[in-house]
Amino acid sequence: MNLLKTFFLGRLFREKVLVLAFVLLGALIWLSSALDHLSANTRESRAAAAELRTQAVWLNNRAKIEEAAAAAARNLNASKTYDATFLVAEVMAMARRSGLAVNSEPPRTQRSPQFAVHTVQVTTRRAELVAVLRFYQELASRAPYLGLERISVQGDRTAPGMLNITLQIASVELLNAGPVRRVASDEPAQVAVPEPAATPIIPLMDAPPEVPATAELPYVAPDVAPDSLLQIPPSPELAP
């Protein structure tokens, strides 16, 4: 400390001013960094407190939430729910029918004992408003199995009248419903045709005994005396 004091006092006045200026500048930089760290810690602390309050609300209402989820599960048709893969395929099919060219990101999934909620984000550029409305109307017709969570609409600067849109679409999947046959929108629905009833098999009777084509019958002489046979007189015309 004495060496620093001696060094400082042995400098010229302008050198002393420069040294003090550098020290003050370093102190300001350190103070600014410390304030930034303090602000970040404060925000994280507030976010953690808000998350704890949210979790407390969920835990306090756990029985009501589970009862409502079970009631909702009873009202859902498992064949109309969408898993993550089928969600992306269905959104792309709806966009194609509506005339939109979209790009999708990998879906994300949140699971509960009864449901799995899948979300996918799709983006389209330079889209016409009519096509967007067609897509929204078809999406609304799939409720409550498909829904729009968030939408961002911006006008394209290079193409007046065109829109750049980002959508986040969610689907619900009913778990523990067993194997489900899902039919894609582009695939015609297959109608189950009942199998014909089995024809009862009637056992055939044994074939009659084979009869030979020709049978030799024994000759039986008539039990009549030769003299008792009728004598037919010859015809006069045939007499000699």
Foldseek 3Di string as FASTA:
>chain_A
DVVVVVVLVPDDPVVNVVVVVVVVVVVVVVVVVVVVVVVVVVVVVVVVVVVVVVVVVCVVCVVVVVVVLVVVLVVDDQQLADDQVLVVVQLVVLLVVLVFDKDKDRWDWDDDPWKIKIKIKIKTWFAAPSSVVSSVVVQVVSPPQKDWDDKDWDADPVDPRGIIMMTMMMGMHTPPPPDHDYDHPPGDDDDDDDDDDDDDDDDDDDDPDDDDPDDDDDDDDDPDDPVPDDDDDDDPVPDD
